[in-house]
Amino acid sequence: MAKETPEQKTTNQILIEQLMLNVGKISAIIEKQGQSIFGHKNLLSNNEINDYSLEFLELLTMLLHAGEKVDRRGAEYKALRQFFANFSQQIQVRGGDMDEFVRYVHFLQRVFLENLEADKSVSFEKTREILMLLGVIFNDIILDVFHIYLEGKEKTIQAQQEELRLTSTPITEIWDGVLTLPIIGSLDSSRTMIVMEKLLQRIESDRARVVLIDVTGVMAIDSQVSHHLIQMIRATGLMGATAILTGIRPEIA
């Protein structure tokens, strides 16, 4: 049976053969660059970098074996995507950032391109097809991981904002039956509801008769903020307490 020429082989077959023939060299280059990127900050140990490099090559080979086109819904692609997601999270947990992760992924792509250029048996047309395949794989991976990173950041910011809202409205009893509520920062609808709920609970539990609402720390009081303050004062009155607003600047009054 005649042996296939490089022109008869698919792009996946050529990449797989290059991996099989040069896995030792490719792995060593990846590990060395990984140590350069992550080792100086002690983000990953040498053993971890070696393990990640070998796992990446194994997952990439599985993806290439799966079919000519990259199936984003396929198990092989999802496994490679999850690998990079876990990898980037591990780097961030240890104090790294997305820049280092992206540099590493771009380097992985460059390793394959340099290895491809060294193979003179591959034609320009096949080289172009392989470049396009590698571009699809690595660019999609970077986009997917970046979206995961942004979603995680957004959840963290939302959790921090919620925690800040819950802890930034201290209600203190300064005299028997007299509460003080200093409001600092902006006052939007969601924060007003939280503040009002906490205030009404304290009025009930402390049997408060007077509430001093200090808005010295509210830098901007527009019509919307004024509406929120009026709502709070009316709710306080419905609980049988008197609200006294303090800290109003002359231009606002």
Protein backbone atom coordinates (compact mmCIF):
# COMPACT_ATOMS: atom_id res chain seq x y z
CA MET A 1 0.00 0.00 0.00
CA ALA A 2 1.46 3.37 -1.05
CA LYS A 3 2.42 5.71 1.73
CA GLU A 4 0.44 8.95 1.98
CA THR A 5 2.24 12.11 0.91
CA PRO A 6 1.99 15.26 3.05
CA GLU A 7 -0.44 16.68 0.48
CA GLN A 8 -2.78 13.71 0.91
CA LYS A 9 -2.85 14.00 4.66
CA THR A 10 -5.33 16.16 6.55
CA THR A 11 -4.22 19.09 8.68
CA ASN A 12 -5.15 17.11 11.79
CA GLN A 13 -3.03 14.16 10.68
CA ILE A 14 -0.01 16.39 10.05
CA LEU A 15 -0.32 18.04 13.47
CA ILE A 16 -0.79 14.69 15.22
CA GLU A 17 2.28 13.24 13.48
CA GLN A 18 4.36 16.27 14.45
CA LEU A 19 3.21 15.87 18.03
CA MET A 20 4.06 12.18 18.07
CA LEU A 21 7.48 12.69 16.47
CA ASN A 22 8.49 15.78 18.45
CA VAL A 23 6.55 15.41 21.71
CA GLY A 24 9.75 15.36 23.78
CA LYS A 25 11.16 18.50 22.20
CA ILE A 26 7.83 20.36 22.21
CA SER A 27 7.17 19.41 25.82
CA ALA A 28 10.64 20.56 26.90
CA ILE A 29 10.20 23.94 25.17
CA ILE A 30 6.76 24.44 26.72
CA GLU A 31 8.04 23.55 30.19
CA LYS A 32 11.01 25.90 29.86
CA GLN A 33 8.84 28.82 28.76
CA GLY A 34 6.29 27.99 31.45
CA GLN A 35 9.02 28.26 34.07
CA SER A 36 10.03 31.63 32.59
CA ILE A 37 6.46 32.98 32.74
CA PHE A 38 5.23 31.45 36.00
CA GLY A 39 8.35 30.42 37.87
CA HIS A 40 9.71 33.90 38.67
CA LYS A 41 6.65 34.66 40.80
CA ASN A 42 6.41 31.13 42.18
CA LEU A 43 2.96 30.82 40.66
CA LEU A 44 3.60 27.21 39.66
CA SER A 45 6.29 24.71 40.65
CA ASN A 46 8.39 22.97 37.99
CA ASN A 47 6.49 19.73 38.59
CA GLU A 48 3.15 21.49 38.12
CA ILE A 49 4.34 23.13 34.90
CA ASN A 50 5.51 19.74 33.59
CA ASP A 51 2.19 18.11 34.48
CA TYR A 52 0.18 20.92 32.87
CA SER A 53 2.31 20.74 29.71
CA LEU A 54 1.85 16.98 29.30
CA GLU A 55 -1.89 17.20 30.02
CA PHE A 56 -2.28 19.97 27.44
CA LEU A 57 -0.50 17.93 24.73
CA GLU A 58 -2.65 14.89 25.55
CA LEU A 59 -5.90 16.87 25.38
CA LEU A 60 -4.87 18.60 22.14
CA THR A 61 -4.10 15.22 20.55
CA MET A 62 -7.52 13.93 21.60
CA LEU A 63 -9.16 17.01 20.05
CA LEU A 64 -7.29 16.52 16.76
CA HIS A 65 -8.30 12.84 16.67
CA ALA A 66 -11.97 13.78 17.18
CA GLY A 67 -12.51 15.18 13.68
CA GLU A 68 -11.41 17.59 10.98
CA LYS A 69 -13.48 20.48 12.32
CA VAL A 70 -13.36 21.76 15.88
CA ASP A 71 -16.66 20.85 17.52
CA ARG A 72 -17.23 23.32 20.36
CA ARG A 73 -19.96 21.07 21.73
CA GLY A 74 -17.79 17.97 21.64
CA ALA A 75 -16.40 16.33 24.77
CA GLU A 76 -12.79 16.78 23.58
CA TYR A 77 -13.12 20.54 23.12
CA LYS A 78 -14.95 20.92 26.44
CA ALA A 79 -12.16 18.99 28.18
CA LEU A 80 -9.49 21.28 26.70
CA ARG A 81 -11.57 24.36 27.57
CA GLN A 82 -12.03 23.16 31.15
CA PHE A 83 -8.31 22.45 31.42
CA PHE A 84 -7.43 26.03 30.51
CA ALA A 85 -10.20 27.41 32.75
CA ASN A 86 -8.80 25.50 35.74
CA PHE A 87 -5.28 26.49 34.74
CA SER A 88 -6.10 30.22 34.62
CA GLN A 89 -8.00 30.05 37.93
CA GLN A 90 -5.03 28.35 39.58
CA ILE A 91 -2.75 31.15 38.37
CA GLN A 92 -5.12 33.88 39.60
CA VAL A 93 -5.58 32.24 43.02
CA ARG A 94 -1.80 32.41 43.49
CA GLY A 95 -1.56 36.09 42.58
CA GLY A 96 -1.11 35.92 38.81
CA ASP A 97 -3.25 37.64 36.21
CA MET A 98 -4.80 37.09 32.80
CA ASP A 99 -1.85 38.72 31.02
CA GLU A 100 0.44 35.89 32.07
CA PHE A 101 -2.11 33.29 31.06
CA VAL A 102 -2.63 34.85 27.60
CA ARG A 103 1.14 35.10 27.09
CA TYR A 104 1.44 31.40 27.84
CA VAL A 105 -1.36 30.42 25.41
CA HIS A 106 0.16 32.57 22.66
CA PHE A 107 3.48 30.90 23.31
CA LEU A 108 1.89 27.45 22.96
CA GLN A 109 0.57 28.47 19.56
CA ARG A 110 3.97 29.81 18.53
CA VAL A 111 5.68 26.53 19.45
CA PHE A 112 3.54 24.65 16.96
CA LEU A 113 4.09 27.26 14.27
CA GLU A 114 7.86 27.12 14.67
CA ASN A 115 7.78 23.35 14.59
CA LEU A 116 5.66 23.52 11.44
CA GLU A 117 8.09 25.91 9.73
CA ALA A 118 10.92 23.48 10.41
CA ASP A 119 9.10 20.71 8.49
CA LYS A 120 10.05 21.40 4.85
CA SER A 121 7.84 18.58 3.55
CA VAL A 122 4.65 20.51 4.32
CA SER A 123 3.48 22.75 1.46
CA PHE A 124 2.47 26.37 1.79
CA GLU A 125 -1.20 25.48 1.30
CA LYS A 126 -1.14 22.86 4.06
CA THR A 127 0.77 25.23 6.30
CA ARG A 128 -1.94 27.86 5.81
CA GLU A 129 -4.67 25.35 6.68
CA ILE A 130 -2.81 24.32 9.83
CA LEU A 131 -2.35 27.98 10.82
CA MET A 132 -6.08 28.53 10.48
CA LEU A 133 -6.86 25.41 12.55
CA LEU A 134 -4.47 26.46 15.33
CA GLY A 135 -5.91 29.98 15.25
CA VAL A 136 -9.44 28.65 15.71
CA ILE A 137 -8.45 26.40 18.61
CA PHE A 138 -6.31 28.87 20.57
CA ASN A 139 -8.36 32.01 19.90
CA ASP A 140 -11.57 30.26 20.94
CA ILE A 141 -9.89 28.97 24.09
CA ILE A 142 -8.66 32.47 25.04
CA LEU A 143 -12.12 33.97 24.45
CA ASP A 144 -13.85 31.24 26.47
CA VAL A 145 -11.47 31.56 29.41
CA PHE A 146 -11.67 35.37 29.28
CA HIS A 147 -15.48 35.18 29.48
CA ILE A 148 -15.20 32.83 32.47
CA TYR A 149 -12.74 35.27 34.06
CA LEU A 150 -15.08 38.24 33.51
CA GLU A 151 -18.07 36.33 34.89
CA GLY A 152 -16.07 35.46 38.00
CA LYS A 153 -14.93 39.06 38.42
CA GLU A 154 -18.48 40.32 38.02
CA LYS A 155 -19.79 37.92 40.65
CA THR A 156 -17.01 38.96 43.03
CA ILE A 157 -17.76 42.67 42.50
CA GLN A 158 -21.49 42.11 43.03
CA ALA A 159 -20.82 40.17 46.23
CA GLN A 160 -18.49 42.91 47.50
CA GLN A 161 -21.05 45.61 46.68
CA GLU A 162 -23.76 43.68 48.48
CA GLU A 163 -21.53 43.22 51.51
CA LEU A 164 -20.66 46.93 51.45
CA ARG A 165 -24.32 47.87 51.33
CA LEU A 166 -25.10 45.67 54.30
CA THR A 167 -22.23 46.98 56.43
CA SER A 168 -22.08 50.66 55.39
CA THR A 169 -25.21 51.77 57.26
CA PRO A 170 -24.45 51.49 60.99
CA ILE A 171 -27.47 52.29 63.17
CA THR A 172 -26.49 53.30 66.71
CA GLU A 173 -28.56 54.04 69.80
CA ILE A 174 -27.05 57.28 71.18
CA TRP A 175 -29.72 57.78 73.89
CA ASP A 176 -32.61 55.83 75.28
CA GLY A 177 -35.11 55.72 72.41
CA VAL A 178 -32.90 57.80 70.08
CA LEU A 179 -31.19 56.20 67.05
CA THR A 180 -28.67 57.75 64.69
CA LEU A 181 -28.25 56.68 61.07
CA PRO A 182 -25.26 58.18 59.20
CA ILE A 183 -25.54 57.66 55.43
CA ILE A 184 -22.28 57.77 53.47
CA GLY A 185 -21.87 57.54 49.70
CA SER A 186 -24.56 57.20 47.06
CA LEU A 187 -28.18 56.34 47.80
CA ASP A 188 -29.92 54.31 45.09
CA SER A 189 -33.15 52.32 45.18
CA SER A 190 -31.61 48.99 46.21
CA ARG A 191 -29.53 50.54 49.00
CA THR A 192 -32.53 52.58 50.21
CA MET A 193 -34.55 49.37 50.65
CA ILE A 194 -31.74 47.75 52.66
CA VAL A 195 -31.26 50.83 54.85
CA MET A 196 -34.99 51.26 55.39
CA GLU A 197 -35.48 47.61 56.31
CA LYS A 198 -32.66 47.71 58.87
CA LEU A 199 -33.88 51.02 60.27
CA LEU A 200 -37.49 49.89 60.73
CA GLN A 201 -36.32 46.67 62.41
CA ARG A 202 -34.21 48.69 64.87
CA ILE A 203 -37.08 51.12 65.57
CA GLU A 204 -39.28 48.16 66.46
CA SER A 205 -36.70 46.24 68.52
CA ASP A 206 -35.38 49.33 70.39
CA ARG A 207 -38.81 51.01 70.67
CA ALA A 208 -37.17 54.13 69.30
CA ARG A 209 -39.04 57.44 69.33
CA VAL A 210 -36.52 59.57 67.40
CA VAL A 211 -34.21 58.79 64.46
CA LEU A 212 -31.43 61.18 63.44
CA ILE A 213 -30.65 60.66 59.76
CA ASP A 214 -27.29 62.29 58.97
CA VAL A 215 -26.63 62.85 55.24
CA THR A 216 -23.39 64.79 55.63
CA GLY A 217 -21.58 61.97 53.82
CA VAL A 218 -23.95 61.96 50.84
CA MET A 219 -22.04 64.05 48.31
CA ALA A 220 -24.82 64.51 45.75
CA ILE A 221 -28.49 64.87 46.59
CA ASP A 222 -30.64 65.11 43.48
CA SER A 223 -34.39 64.65 43.05
CA GLN A 224 -34.09 60.85 43.09
CA VAL A 225 -32.06 60.81 46.32
CA SER A 226 -34.52 63.29 47.85
CA HIS A 227 -37.37 60.95 46.95
CA HIS A 228 -35.59 58.06 48.69
CA LEU A 229 -35.03 60.16 51.82
CA ILE A 230 -38.70 61.22 51.91
CA GLN A 231 -39.73 57.55 51.63
CA MET A 232 -37.46 56.72 54.58
CA ILE A 233 -38.85 59.58 56.70
CA ARG A 234 -42.45 58.58 55.96
CA ALA A 235 -41.77 54.93 56.81
CA THR A 236 -40.17 56.02 60.09
CA GLY A 237 -43.29 58.04 60.92
CA LEU A 238 -45.53 55.05 60.20
CA MET A 239 -43.54 53.15 62.86
CA GLY A 240 -44.40 55.85 65.42
CA ALA A 241 -40.99 57.52 65.46
CA THR A 242 -39.92 61.02 64.45
CA ALA A 243 -37.19 61.35 61.79
CA ILE A 244 -34.86 64.33 61.98
CA LEU A 245 -32.73 64.99 58.89
CA THR A 246 -29.32 66.53 59.56
CA GLY A 247 -26.28 67.38 57.47
CA ILE A 248 -28.16 69.17 54.69
CA ARG A 249 -25.95 71.81 53.05
CA PRO A 250 -27.41 75.26 52.31
CA GLU A 251 -27.39 74.83 48.53
CA ILE A 252 -29.31 71.56 48.90
CA ALA A 253 -31.80 72.97 51.43
